[in-house]
C-alpha atoms as a PDB file:
ATOM      1  CA  MET A   1      14.515   6.228  27.088  1.00  0.00           C
ATOM      2  CA  SER A   2      11.580   8.276  27.069  1.00  0.00           C
ATOM      3  CA  LYS A   3      10.946  11.256  29.781  1.00  0.00           C
ATOM      4  CA  VAL A   4       8.570  10.007  31.987  1.00  0.00           C
ATOM      5  CA  PHE A   5       5.134  12.374  31.894  1.00  0.00           C
ATOM      6  CA  GLN A   6       3.261  12.799  35.231  1.00  0.00           C
ATOM      7  CA  PHE A   7      -0.083  14.145  34.833  1.00  0.00           C
ATOM      8  CA  SER A   8      -0.932  17.235  36.509  1.00  0.00           C
ATOM      9  CA  SER A   9      -4.459  18.890  37.309  1.00  0.00           C
ATOM     10  CA  SER A  10      -5.436  22.568  38.585  1.00  0.00           C
ATOM     11  CA  ALA A  11      -7.933  23.764  40.415  1.00  0.00           C
ATOM     12  CA  SER A  12      -9.024  27.280  39.537  1.00  0.00           C
ATOM     13  CA  LEU A  13     -10.777  30.421  41.596  1.00  0.00           C
ATOM     14  CA  GLU A  14     -13.131  32.215  39.666  1.00  0.00           C
ATOM     15  CA  ARG A  15     -13.687  36.279  40.219  1.00  0.00           C
ATOM     16  CA  LEU A  16     -15.160  39.378  38.977  1.00  0.00           C
ATOM     17  CA  THR A  17     -13.637  42.064  37.769  1.00  0.00           C
ATOM     18  CA  GLY A  18     -16.171  44.475  37.949  1.00  0.00           C
ATOM     19  CA  ARG A  19     -15.757  45.148  34.747  1.00  0.00           C
ATOM     20  CA  LYS A  20     -18.825  44.632  32.380  1.00  0.00           C
ATOM     21  CA  ALA A  21     -20.543  45.541  28.457  1.00  0.00           C
ATOM     22  CA  HIS A  22     -23.659  46.497  27.704  1.00  0.00           C
ATOM     23  CA  ASP A  23     -23.039  46.911  24.237  1.00  0.00           C
ATOM     24  CA  LEU A  24     -20.714  45.962  21.455  1.00  0.00           C
ATOM     25  CA  GLU A  25     -18.343  48.625  21.692  1.00  0.00           C
ATOM     26  CA  GLY A  26     -18.252  47.784  25.548  1.00  0.00           C
ATOM     27  CA  LEU A  27     -17.686  44.353  25.048  1.00  0.00           C
ATOM     28  CA  MET A  28     -14.789  45.122  22.271  1.00  0.00           C
ATOM     29  CA  ASP A  29     -13.090  47.606  24.848  1.00  0.00           C
ATOM     30  CA  LEU A  30     -13.009  44.989  27.223  1.00  0.00           C
ATOM     31  CA  ILE A  31     -11.214  42.365  25.347  1.00  0.00           C
ATOM     32  CA  LYS A  32      -8.785  44.692  24.271  1.00  0.00           C
ATOM     33  CA  THR A  33      -8.132  45.701  27.608  1.00  0.00           C
ATOM     34  CA  CYS A  34      -8.275  42.895  30.006  1.00  0.00           C
ATOM     35  CA  SER A  35      -5.802  40.380  30.925  1.00  0.00           C
ATOM     36  CA  ASP A  36      -4.666  37.230  29.006  1.00  0.00           C
ATOM     37  CA  SER A  37      -5.960  35.109  31.574  1.00  0.00           C
ATOM     38  CA  SER A  38      -9.371  37.059  30.805  1.00  0.00           C
ATOM     39  CA  VAL A  39      -9.260  36.088  27.616  1.00  0.00           C
ATOM     40  CA  PHE A  40      -8.139  32.460  27.883  1.00  0.00           C
ATOM     41  CA  TYR A  41     -11.440  32.112  30.747  1.00  0.00           C
ATOM     42  CA  HIS A  42     -13.888  33.605  28.687  1.00  0.00           C
ATOM     43  CA  THR A  43     -13.145  31.442  25.342  1.00  0.00           C
ATOM     44  CA  PHE A  44     -10.932  28.096  26.106  1.00  0.00           C
ATOM     45  CA  SER A  45     -12.549  28.200  29.499  1.00  0.00           C
ATOM     46  CA  ALA A  46     -15.561  27.149  27.530  1.00  0.00           C
ATOM     47  CA  PHE A  47     -14.690  23.764  27.300  1.00  0.00           C
ATOM     48  CA  LEU A  48     -14.073  22.853  30.703  1.00  0.00           C
ATOM     49  CA  LYS A  49     -17.645  24.705  31.709  1.00  0.00           C
ATOM     50  CA  LEU A  50     -19.463  23.393  29.214  1.00  0.00           C
ATOM     51  CA  ARG A  51     -18.170  20.038  29.392  1.00  0.00           C
ATOM     52  CA  GLU A  52     -21.613  18.200  30.320  1.00  0.00           C
ATOM     53  CA  ALA A  53     -23.227  19.114  27.167  1.00  0.00           C
ATOM     54  CA  GLN A  54     -22.384  20.550  23.780  1.00  0.00           C
ATOM     55  CA  VAL A  55     -23.549  24.029  22.717  1.00  0.00           C
ATOM     56  CA  PRO A  56     -23.891  26.036  19.532  1.00  0.00           C
ATOM     57  CA  TYR A  57     -20.695  28.586  20.765  1.00  0.00           C
ATOM     58  CA  ASN A  58     -17.364  27.656  21.561  1.00  0.00           C
ATOM     59  CA  SER A  59     -17.128  30.866  24.144  1.00  0.00           C
ATOM     60  CA  ASP A  60     -18.514  33.020  26.317  1.00  0.00           C
ATOM     61  CA  PHE A  61     -18.527  35.957  24.105  1.00  0.00           C
ATOM     62  CA  ALA A  62     -20.224  33.844  21.023  1.00  0.00           C
ATOM     63  CA  ILE A  63     -22.876  33.249  23.608  1.00  0.00           C
ATOM     64  CA  TRP A  64     -23.547  36.447  25.172  1.00  0.00           C
ATOM     65  CA  VAL A  65     -23.150  38.202  21.987  1.00  0.00           C
ATOM     66  CA  ALA A  66     -26.369  35.585  21.067  1.00  0.00           C
ATOM     67  CA  ARG A  67     -28.527  35.605  23.710  1.00  0.00           C
ATOM     68  CA  SER A  68     -27.909  39.388  25.197  1.00  0.00           C
ATOM     69  CA  MET A  69     -27.054  41.075  21.976  1.00  0.00           C
ATOM     70  CA  ASN A  70     -29.071  38.715  19.488  1.00  0.00           C
ATOM     71  CA  GLU A  71     -26.781  39.511  16.363  1.00  0.00           C
ATOM     72  CA  MET A  72     -26.334  36.023  15.590  1.00  0.00           C
ATOM     73  CA  ALA A  73     -24.248  36.443  12.361  1.00  0.00           C
ATOM     74  CA  LEU A  74     -21.693  38.257  14.675  1.00  0.00           C
ATOM     75  CA  ALA A  75     -21.893  35.046  17.079  1.00  0.00           C
ATOM     76  CA  GLU A  76     -21.412  32.687  14.303  1.00  0.00           C
ATOM     77  CA  LYS A  77     -18.497  34.294  13.144  1.00  0.00           C
ATOM     78  CA  LEU A  78     -16.830  34.772  16.850  1.00  0.00           C
ATOM     79  CA  MET A  79     -17.522  30.646  16.952  1.00  0.00           C
ATOM     80  CA  ALA A  80     -15.868  30.086  13.747  1.00  0.00           C
ATOM     81  CA  VAL A  81     -12.800  31.171  15.103  1.00  0.00           C
ATOM     82  CA  ASP A  82     -10.224  28.291  15.760  1.00  0.00           C
ATOM     83  CA  PHE A  83      -8.559  29.228  19.121  1.00  0.00           C
ATOM     84  CA  SER A  84      -5.973  26.059  18.194  1.00  0.00           C
ATOM     85  CA  GLU A  85      -4.997  27.816  14.926  1.00  0.00           C
ATOM     86  CA  TYR A  86      -3.404  31.041  17.692  1.00  0.00           C
ATOM     87  CA  LYS A  87       0.150  30.800  19.379  1.00  0.00           C
ATOM     88  CA  THR A  88      -0.501  33.581  21.382  1.00  0.00           C
ATOM     89  CA  VAL A  89      -3.463  34.999  23.376  1.00  0.00           C
ATOM     90  CA  GLY A  90      -2.703  38.187  21.706  1.00  0.00           C
ATOM     91  CA  SER A  91      -3.239  36.692  18.321  1.00  0.00           C
ATOM     92  CA  LEU A  92      -6.356  35.594  19.508  1.00  0.00           C
ATOM     93  CA  ARG A  93      -7.219  38.620  21.217  1.00  0.00           C
ATOM     94  CA  ALA A  94      -6.400  40.964  18.240  1.00  0.00           C
ATOM     95  CA  ARG A  95      -8.292  38.409  16.034  1.00  0.00           C
ATOM     96  CA  LEU A  96     -11.322  38.778  18.198  1.00  0.00           C
ATOM     97  CA  VAL A  97     -11.168  42.312  18.335  1.00  0.00           C
ATOM     98  CA  ASP A  98     -10.922  42.327  14.421  1.00  0.00           C
ATOM     99  CA  ILE A  99     -14.238  40.024  13.901  1.00  0.00           C
ATOM    100  CA  ILE A 100     -16.329  42.816  16.342  1.00  0.00           C
ATOM    101  CA  GLU A 101     -14.694  45.884  14.145  1.00  0.00           C
ATOM    102  CA  ASN A 102     -15.202  44.520  10.874  1.00  0.00           C
ATOM    103  CA  HIS A 103     -18.899  43.850  12.182  1.00  0.00           C
ATOM    104  CA  ILE A 104     -19.386  47.175  13.910  1.00  0.00           C
ATOM    105  CA  ARG A 105     -18.223  49.090  10.632  1.00  0.00           C
ATOM    106  CA  GLU A 106     -20.517  46.991   8.349  1.00  0.00           C
ATOM    107  CA  ASN A 107     -23.231  47.303  10.337  1.00  0.00           C
ATOM    108  CA  PRO A 108     -23.231  50.590  12.121  1.00  0.00           C
ATOM    109  CA  LEU A 109     -26.862  50.675  13.690  1.00  0.00           C
ATOM    110  CA  CYS A 110     -25.917  47.280  15.632  1.00  0.00           C
ATOM    111  CA  CYS A 111     -23.719  49.787  18.024  1.00  0.00           C
ATOM    112  CA  LYS A 112     -26.769  51.511  18.810  1.00  0.00           C
ATOM    113  CA  LYS A 113     -28.446  48.326  20.467  1.00  0.00           C
ATOM    114  CA  ILE A 114     -28.198  47.969  24.345  1.00  0.00           C
ATOM    115  CA  ALA A 115     -27.966  44.176  25.789  1.00  0.00           C
ATOM    116  CA  ASN A 116     -30.432  41.889  27.820  1.00  0.00           C
ATOM    117  CA  GLU A 117     -27.922  41.376  30.313  1.00  0.00           C
ATOM    118  CA  PRO A 118     -24.635  42.899  31.166  1.00  0.00           C
ATOM    119  CA  PHE A 119     -21.229  41.025  29.857  1.00  0.00           C
ATOM    120  CA  TYR A 120     -19.677  40.260  32.927  1.00  0.00           C
ATOM    121  CA  LEU A 121     -15.884  40.057  32.511  1.00  0.00           C
ATOM    122  CA  HIS A 122     -14.002  37.542  34.776  1.00  0.00           C
ATOM    123  CA  ASP A 123     -10.723  36.607  35.794  1.00  0.00           C
ATOM    124  CA  VAL A 124      -8.883  33.360  37.003  1.00  0.00           C
ATOM    125  CA  MET A 125      -6.681  32.267  39.734  1.00  0.00           C
ATOM    126  CA  ARG A 126      -5.164  29.089  39.134  1.00  0.00           C
ATOM    127  CA  VAL A 127      -3.272  26.410  41.033  1.00  0.00           C
ATOM    128  CA  VAL A 128      -1.153  23.357  39.329  1.00  0.00           C
ATOM    129  CA  TYR A 129      -0.669  20.387  41.356  1.00  0.00           C
ATOM    130  CA  LEU A 130       1.002  17.060  40.497  1.00  0.00           C
ATOM    131  CA  THR A 131      -1.085  14.217  40.441  1.00  0.00           C
ATOM    132  CA  ASP A 132       0.371  10.336  41.098  1.00  0.00           C
ATOM    133  CA  LYS A 133      -0.527   9.170  37.753  1.00  0.00           C
ATOM    134  CA  PHE A 134       2.982   8.674  36.098  1.00  0.00           C
ATOM    135  CA  ALA A 135       3.182   7.420  32.086  1.00  0.00           C
ATOM    136  CA  TYR A 136       6.395   5.777  31.146  1.00  0.00           C
ATOM    137  CA  ASP A 137       5.406   4.655  27.694  1.00  0.00           C
ATOM    138  CA  LEU A 138       2.389   4.767  25.629  1.00  0.00           C
ATOM    139  CA  ARG A 139       0.361   2.140  27.196  1.00  0.00           C
ATOM    140  CA  SER A 140       0.699   3.511  30.589  1.00  0.00           C
ATOM    141  CA  PHE A 141      -0.116   7.475  29.221  1.00  0.00           C
ATOM    142  CA  ARG A 142      -3.330   5.067  27.810  1.00  0.00           C
ATOM    143  CA  ASP A 143      -4.047   3.369  30.842  1.00  0.00           C
ATOM    144  CA  ASN A 144      -3.970   6.473  33.098  1.00  0.00           C
ATOM    145  CA  LEU A 145      -5.271   9.295  30.200  1.00  0.00           C
ATOM    146  CA  ALA A 146      -8.979   6.423  31.056  1.00  0.00           C
ATOM    147  CA  SER A 147      -8.965   6.995  34.502  1.00  0.00           C
ATOM    148  CA  VAL A 148      -7.599  10.512  35.164  1.00  0.00           C
ATOM    149  CA  SER A 149     -10.341  13.289  36.341  1.00  0.00           C
ATOM    150  CA  ILE A 150     -11.696  15.384  33.505  1.00  0.00           C
ATOM    151  CA  TYR A 151      -9.797  18.759  34.897  1.00  0.00           C
ATOM    152  CA  CYS A 152      -6.574  16.779  34.597  1.00  0.00           C
ATOM    153  CA  VAL A 153      -7.616  16.349  30.849  1.00  0.00           C
ATOM    154  CA  TYR A 154      -8.237  19.805  30.586  1.00  0.00           C
ATOM    155  CA  TYR A 155      -5.195  20.986  32.164  1.00  0.00           C
ATOM    156  CA  HIS A 156      -3.246  19.353  29.876  1.00  0.00           C
ATOM    157  CA  PHE A 157      -5.209  19.548  26.586  1.00  0.00           C
ATOM    158  CA  PHE A 158      -6.343  23.189  27.303  1.00  0.00           C
ATOM    159  CA  GLU A 159      -5.014  25.170  30.058  1.00  0.00           C
ATOM    160  CA  SER A 160      -1.645  24.439  29.842  1.00  0.00           C
ATOM    161  CA  ARG A 161      -1.639  26.078  26.502  1.00  0.00           C
ATOM    162  CA  LEU A 162      -1.835  29.230  28.733  1.00  0.00           C
ATOM    163  CA  ASP A 163       2.223  28.570  29.677  1.00  0.00           C
ATOM    164  CA  THR A 164       3.194  27.726  26.192  1.00  0.00           C
ATOM    165  CA  GLN A 165       1.714  30.151  24.402  1.00  0.00           C
ATOM    166  CA  LEU A 166      -0.696  28.367  23.024  1.00  0.00           C
ATOM    167  CA  GLU A 167       1.601  26.202  20.825  1.00  0.00           C
ATOM    168  CA  SER A 168       0.244  22.774  21.251  1.00  0.00           C
ATOM    169  CA  ASN A 169      -1.282  20.643  24.279  1.00  0.00           C
ATOM    170  CA  ASP A 170       0.943  18.404  26.621  1.00  0.00           C
ATOM    171  CA  PHE A 171      -0.144  14.930  25.175  1.00  0.00           C
ATOM    172  CA  SER A 172       0.835  15.838  21.536  1.00  0.00           C
ATOM    173  CA  LYS A 173       4.190  17.474  22.934  1.00  0.00           C
ATOM    174  CA  TRP A 174       5.181  14.385  24.861  1.00  0.00           C
ATOM    175  CA  ILE A 175       4.252  11.687  22.821  1.00  0.00           C
ATOM    176  CA  GLY A 176       6.343  13.462  19.831  1.00  0.00           C
ATOM    177  CA  GLU A 177       9.008  14.694  21.766  1.00  0.00           C
ATOM    178  CA  SER A 178       9.726  11.732  24.540  1.00  0.00           C
ATOM    179  CA  LEU A 179       8.483   8.975  22.879  1.00  0.00           C
ATOM    180  CA  GLY A 180       9.183   9.899  18.974  1.00  0.00           C
ATOM    181  CA  MET A 181       5.773   8.970  17.926  1.00  0.00           C
ATOM    182  CA  ASP A 182       5.164  12.681  15.968  1.00  0.00           C
ATOM    183  CA  ALA A 183       2.339  10.940  13.351  1.00  0.00           C
ATOM    184  CA  LEU A 184       0.440  10.067  16.649  1.00  0.00           C
ATOM    185  CA  ALA A 185       1.097  13.456  18.196  1.00  0.00           C
ATOM    186  CA  GLU A 186       0.303  15.000  15.303  1.00  0.00           C
ATOM    187  CA  LYS A 187      -2.898  13.205  15.331  1.00  0.00           C
ATOM    188  CA  ILE A 188      -4.084  14.606  18.051  1.00  0.00           C
ATOM    189  CA  ARG A 189      -2.861  18.123  18.026  1.00  0.00           C
ATOM    190  CA  ARG A 190      -4.938  18.662  14.877  1.00  0.00           C
ATOM    191  CA  LEU A 191      -8.210  17.269  17.087  1.00  0.00           C
ATOM    192  CA  ASP A 192     -10.818  19.488  16.242  1.00  0.00           C
ATOM    193  CA  ILE A 193     -11.681  20.859  19.961  1.00  0.00           C
ATOM    194  CA  SER A 194     -15.048  22.546  18.974  1.00  0.00           C
ATOM    195  CA  ALA A 195     -16.021  18.893  18.122  1.00  0.00           C
ATOM    196  CA  PHE A 196     -16.108  17.831  21.013  1.00  0.00           C
ATOM    197  CA  THR A 197     -16.890  17.498  24.942  1.00  0.00           C
ATOM    198  CA  LEU A 198     -14.068  16.917  27.422  1.00  0.00           C
ATOM    199  CA  GLU A 199     -15.238  13.575  27.959  1.00  0.00           C
ATOM    200  CA  GLY A 200     -15.638  12.999  24.007  1.00  0.00           C
ATOM    201  CA  LEU A 201     -11.968  14.303  23.728  1.00  0.00           C
ATOM    202  CA  ARG A 202     -10.199  11.940  26.057  1.00  0.00           C
ATOM    203  CA  SER A 203     -12.378   9.277  24.021  1.00  0.00           C
ATOM    204  CA  ARG A 204     -11.147  10.507  20.911  1.00  0.00           C
ATOM    205  CA  ILE A 205      -7.696  10.376  22.321  1.00  0.00           C
ATOM    206  CA  ILE A 206      -8.351   6.944  23.257  1.00  0.00           C
ATOM    207  CA  ARG A 207      -9.349   5.768  19.921  1.00  0.00           C
ATOM    208  CA  LEU A 208      -6.215   7.117  18.365  1.00  0.00           C
ATOM    209  CA  ILE A 209      -3.535   5.325  20.736  1.00  0.00           C
ATOM    210  CA  ASP A 210      -4.971   2.050  20.651  1.00  0.00           C
ATOM    211  CA  GLY A 211      -5.474   2.221  16.782  1.00  0.00           C
ATOM    212  CA  TYR A 212      -1.786   3.115  17.151  1.00  0.00           C
ATOM    213  CA  LEU A 213      -1.364   0.422  19.407  1.00  0.00           C
ATOM    214  CA  LYS A 214      -2.560  -2.076  17.077  1.00  0.00           C
ATOM    215  CA  GLU A 215      -0.278  -1.269  14.280  1.00  0.00           C
END
């Protein structure tokens, strides 16, 4: 018998850390020394903050580099990072730092530029809570996924990665491990998270499940 999946959600309290950067070296120092939750907030959390509309950049770092530093080449390099490829926040952090360091090395004059607006480092406190939605099989999972809040989708597909070392999302893990549907789980896991808003991601997962149920 498969393990029951109980949908959870979360509420987050964003807070300013009091730290900020005025140039690229300052940004790099913030990324090197801030908490894991700050790195996560400024990368994965962009998918929640930008849930209503897609923008060209997938992180707060890339947005700031483009808009306040006008370093478009660096912004594109940061945007090209596929967060889902990293299994720890530490490895994601290291990749971001490496990209900025290489850009500074190749373009030393960029260090003399001062941002139009500072980058303000945020952190976040999370409260995770259980909902009254349960899934016992793929059909009930699909039906509940269609009705839960967008914050629930965000928690299970993005935020829970902070607790599981970014290895996977809760949906793929449950479908693969509890239902034994490895092929479907892998299709969901491999979705390009940068290509969807949260509502678009929900719709795409539902379409994948509907196709599986029809087989």
